[in-house]
Amino acid sequence: MGLILLEALAAGLVFILIIWWTMFSGRKKGELHDDADAEDSAKAADRNPPPKS
């Protein structure tokens, strides 16, 4: 019985570790804001305009 509880605790800790790792292993300064995304996409569109037909 104690071994089953120990194994369940270990599985829970591994689960929490995986969630923690995936939440905080992204960009160093965090996620980009929406206004920065819109500005970057506007700059990219200026550099590479769509072909005219």
Protein backbone atom coordinates (compact mmCIF):
# COMPACT_ATOMS: atom_id res chain seq x y z
CA MET A 1 0.00 0.00 0.00
CA GLY A 2 2.78 2.41 0.91
CA LEU A 3 4.64 1.58 -2.29
CA ILE A 4 1.58 2.44 -4.38
CA LEU A 5 1.24 5.80 -2.63
CA LEU A 6 4.95 6.49 -3.12
CA GLU A 7 4.67 5.66 -6.81
CA ALA A 8 1.59 7.90 -7.16
CA LEU A 9 3.46 10.73 -5.44
CA ALA A 10 6.44 10.28 -7.78
CA ALA A 11 4.14 10.28 -10.84
CA GLY A 12 2.47 13.46 -9.59
CA LEU A 13 5.82 15.17 -9.06
CA VAL A 14 6.94 14.19 -12.57
CA PHE A 15 3.66 15.55 -13.95
CA ILE A 16 4.09 18.87 -12.11
CA LEU A 17 7.72 19.08 -13.27
CA ILE A 18 6.70 18.59 -16.91
CA ILE A 19 4.01 21.27 -16.61
CA TRP A 20 6.44 23.68 -14.91
CA TRP A 21 9.12 23.04 -17.54
CA THR A 22 6.78 23.67 -20.46
CA MET A 23 5.36 26.83 -18.90
CA PHE A 24 8.67 28.53 -18.18
CA SER A 25 11.08 27.29 -20.83
CA GLY A 26 10.04 29.79 -23.51
CA ARG A 27 11.55 33.10 -24.50
CA LYS A 28 13.92 34.84 -22.09
CA LYS A 29 11.80 38.03 -21.96
CA GLY A 30 8.45 36.25 -22.11
CA GLU A 31 5.94 36.09 -24.92
CA LEU A 32 5.66 38.88 -27.47
CA HIS A 33 2.77 41.29 -27.06
CA ASP A 34 0.05 41.65 -29.68
CA ASP A 35 1.15 45.16 -30.71
CA ALA A 36 4.70 43.93 -31.32
CA ASP A 37 3.33 41.07 -33.44
CA ALA A 38 1.25 43.48 -35.51
CA GLU A 39 4.21 45.83 -35.93
CA ASP A 40 6.52 42.99 -36.98
CA SER A 41 4.01 41.67 -39.51
CA ALA A 42 3.54 45.19 -40.92
CA LYS A 43 7.31 45.58 -41.32
CA ALA A 44 7.52 42.19 -43.02
CA ALA A 45 4.71 43.16 -45.39
CA ASP A 46 6.57 46.38 -46.27
CA ARG A 47 9.74 44.45 -47.05
CA ASN A 48 8.00 41.74 -49.05
CA PRO A 49 4.91 43.17 -50.74
CA PRO A 50 2.55 40.65 -52.33
CA PRO A 51 2.99 40.17 -56.08
CA LYS A 52 0.70 42.24 -58.26
CA SER A 53 -1.23 40.44 -60.96
